[in-house]
């Protein structure tokens, strides 16, 4: 599992935004500046849609006021991420990252085998604080919990 002080692995993902879908790599997306990357097990799933993403949408302006970008990552295809983004009214500027083959989740050591639930390989629920491509803080939820990867918890970590 990725640790504080380690550089983000360079992986190609698909960024979904108001301008559509484009391939990018983690170095281009998160190599400069400060970003909170939070990951959900799946778009449109209950906790992810009712609490996790909505918390970051609600507090997005607070992150931006502190000079911090926000990115949501899920092991879903970019079309699902695009539909989810639209249904959740994600603000312009919040990045939605489709990790369709779980390559980033695996590279981070944060993949989750949800095959027992018919979901295949997904991402654990987590949040990372990344400074210029280097992970400075790592928060991984225990199974079934939703505490340390919330928008509110991440805002507290920013001071």
Protein backbone atom coordinates (compact mmCIF):
# COMPACT_ATOMS: atom_id res chain seq x y z
CA UNK A 1 0.00 0.00 0.00
CA UNK A 2 1.24 3.49 -0.83
CA UNK A 3 2.73 5.35 2.11
CA UNK A 4 3.20 9.00 2.98
CA UNK A 5 6.38 10.29 1.37
CA UNK A 6 6.05 8.12 -1.74
CA UNK A 7 5.49 9.48 -5.23
CA UNK A 8 2.18 8.63 -6.88
CA UNK A 9 2.63 5.85 -9.42
CA UNK A 10 2.38 6.98 -13.03
CA UNK A 11 -0.72 5.36 -14.50
CA UNK A 12 -2.90 6.29 -17.47
CA UNK A 13 -6.51 6.97 -16.47
CA UNK A 14 -9.47 8.70 -18.06
CA UNK A 15 -10.42 12.13 -16.78
CA UNK A 16 -14.08 13.02 -17.08
CA UNK A 17 -15.14 16.64 -17.06
CA UNK A 18 -17.43 19.22 -18.59
CA UNK A 19 -15.36 19.04 -21.78
CA UNK A 20 -15.84 15.29 -22.13
CA UNK A 21 -13.53 12.33 -21.62
CA UNK A 22 -9.79 12.41 -22.12
CA UNK A 23 -6.90 10.08 -21.36
CA UNK A 24 -4.34 11.47 -19.00
CA UNK A 25 -1.74 10.20 -16.58
CA UNK A 26 -1.42 10.70 -12.87
CA UNK A 27 1.75 12.80 -13.27
CA UNK A 28 -0.10 15.28 -15.51
CA UNK A 29 -3.15 15.35 -13.24
CA UNK A 30 -1.50 15.42 -9.82
CA UNK A 31 2.18 16.27 -10.39
CA UNK A 32 1.91 19.91 -9.38
CA UNK A 33 -0.05 21.62 -6.64
CA UNK A 34 -2.04 20.17 -3.80
CA UNK A 35 -4.86 17.66 -4.37
CA UNK A 36 -7.15 15.49 -2.30
CA UNK A 37 -7.83 12.29 -4.20
CA UNK A 38 -10.70 10.30 -2.75
CA UNK A 39 -11.75 6.92 -4.03
CA UNK A 40 -15.05 5.12 -3.88
CA UNK A 41 -15.80 1.44 -4.51
CA UNK A 42 -18.30 2.35 -7.21
CA UNK A 43 -20.32 5.11 -8.81
CA UNK A 44 -24.03 4.99 -8.04
CA UNK A 45 -23.52 2.72 -5.00
CA UNK A 46 -25.35 3.77 -1.81
CA UNK A 47 -22.68 5.29 0.47
CA UNK A 48 -20.75 6.67 -2.49
CA UNK A 49 -23.78 8.45 -3.94
CA UNK A 50 -25.56 9.43 -0.74
CA UNK A 51 -22.62 10.57 1.39
CA UNK A 52 -19.10 10.36 -0.01
CA UNK A 53 -19.24 12.31 -3.29
CA UNK A 54 -21.98 14.68 -2.01
CA UNK A 55 -19.73 15.69 0.91
CA UNK A 56 -16.96 16.75 -1.45
CA UNK A 57 -19.45 18.52 -3.72
CA UNK A 58 -20.83 20.41 -0.70
CA UNK A 59 -17.38 21.43 0.57
CA UNK A 60 -15.68 21.91 -2.82
CA UNK A 61 -15.41 25.69 -2.47
CA UNK A 62 -13.75 25.30 0.96
CA UNK A 63 -11.04 23.08 -0.55
CA UNK A 64 -10.49 25.52 -3.41
CA UNK A 65 -10.29 28.45 -0.96
CA UNK A 66 -7.40 26.61 0.70
CA UNK A 67 -5.68 26.06 -2.64
CA UNK A 68 -6.51 22.37 -2.79
CA UNK A 69 -7.89 20.58 -5.85
CA UNK A 70 -10.28 17.65 -5.46
CA UNK A 71 -10.41 14.46 -7.50
CA UNK A 72 -12.83 11.55 -7.22
CA UNK A 73 -11.61 8.17 -8.44
CA UNK A 74 -13.58 4.99 -9.05
CA UNK A 75 -13.05 1.70 -10.84
CA UNK A 76 -15.77 2.41 -13.38
CA UNK A 77 -15.74 3.19 -17.07
CA UNK A 78 -15.66 6.87 -18.05
CA UNK A 79 -19.25 6.85 -19.32
CA UNK A 80 -20.54 5.71 -15.93
CA UNK A 81 -18.38 8.36 -14.25
CA UNK A 82 -19.75 10.99 -16.63
CA UNK A 83 -23.37 10.02 -15.88
CA UNK A 84 -22.62 9.96 -12.14
CA UNK A 85 -20.93 13.37 -12.34
CA UNK A 86 -24.01 14.83 -14.02
CA UNK A 87 -26.49 13.19 -11.62
CA UNK A 88 -24.52 14.43 -8.59
CA UNK A 89 -24.09 18.00 -9.92
CA UNK A 90 -20.31 17.86 -9.57
CA UNK A 91 -18.94 21.40 -9.83
CA UNK A 92 -16.64 22.50 -12.63
CA UNK A 93 -13.09 21.98 -11.50
CA UNK A 94 -13.65 18.80 -9.50
CA UNK A 95 -11.89 16.02 -11.34
CA UNK A 96 -13.64 12.72 -11.94
CA UNK A 97 -11.14 9.95 -12.66
CA UNK A 98 -12.20 6.68 -14.27
CA UNK A 99 -9.83 3.84 -13.38
CA UNK A 100 -11.72 1.36 -15.54
CA UNK A 101 -9.26 -1.55 -15.25
CA UNK A 102 -8.25 -0.83 -11.64
CA UNK A 103 -4.71 -0.09 -12.75
CA UNK A 104 -4.33 2.90 -10.44
CA UNK A 105 -6.01 1.11 -7.54
CA UNK A 106 -3.57 -1.81 -7.97
CA UNK A 107 -0.54 0.48 -8.38
CA UNK A 108 -1.50 2.17 -5.10
CA UNK A 109 -1.98 -1.20 -3.40
CA UNK A 110 -5.55 -0.17 -2.59
CA UNK A 111 -7.56 -2.57 -4.73
CA UNK A 112 -10.53 -4.44 -3.28
CA UNK A 113 -11.85 -7.80 -4.47
CA UNK A 114 -15.61 -7.31 -4.44
CA UNK A 115 -16.29 -10.42 -6.53
CA UNK A 116 -18.45 -11.85 -3.76
CA UNK A 117 -20.85 -8.96 -4.44
CA UNK A 118 -20.71 -9.27 -8.24
CA UNK A 119 -18.54 -6.17 -8.58
CA UNK A 120 -15.12 -7.65 -9.45
CA UNK A 121 -11.97 -5.73 -8.57
CA UNK A 122 -12.68 -2.25 -7.22
CA UNK A 123 -10.90 0.35 -5.12
CA UNK A 124 -10.97 0.49 -1.38
CA UNK A 125 -12.59 3.62 0.03
CA UNK A 126 -9.73 6.02 0.78
CA UNK A 127 -8.45 9.58 0.59
CA UNK A 128 -4.95 10.80 -0.19
CA UNK A 129 -3.47 14.25 0.23
CA UNK A 130 -0.96 14.74 -2.59
CA UNK A 131 1.57 17.58 -2.77
CA UNK A 132 3.35 18.00 -6.12
CA UNK A 133 2.92 14.30 -6.95
CA UNK A 134 4.04 13.04 -3.54
CA UNK A 135 1.56 11.51 -1.11
CA UNK A 136 1.70 13.38 2.19
CA UNK A 137 -1.24 11.71 3.97
CA UNK A 138 -3.05 8.37 3.49
CA UNK A 139 -6.46 7.53 4.96
CA UNK A 140 -7.95 4.11 4.20
CA UNK A 141 -11.34 3.08 5.51
CA UNK A 142 -11.82 -0.21 7.32
CA UNK A 143 -14.43 -2.43 5.63
CA UNK A 144 -17.90 -1.01 6.13
CA UNK A 145 -16.68 2.27 7.65
CA UNK A 146 -16.97 5.82 6.41
CA UNK A 147 -14.97 8.18 8.65
CA UNK A 148 -11.43 9.01 7.55
CA UNK A 149 -12.04 9.59 3.84
CA UNK A 150 -14.87 12.10 4.27
CA UNK A 151 -14.65 15.67 3.02
CA UNK A 152 -15.00 16.92 6.59
CA UNK A 153 -12.10 14.77 7.82
CA UNK A 154 -9.90 15.87 4.95
CA UNK A 155 -10.67 19.53 5.63
CA UNK A 156 -9.62 18.98 9.27
CA UNK A 157 -6.30 17.57 8.06
CA UNK A 158 -5.63 20.74 6.10
CA UNK A 159 -5.78 22.76 9.33
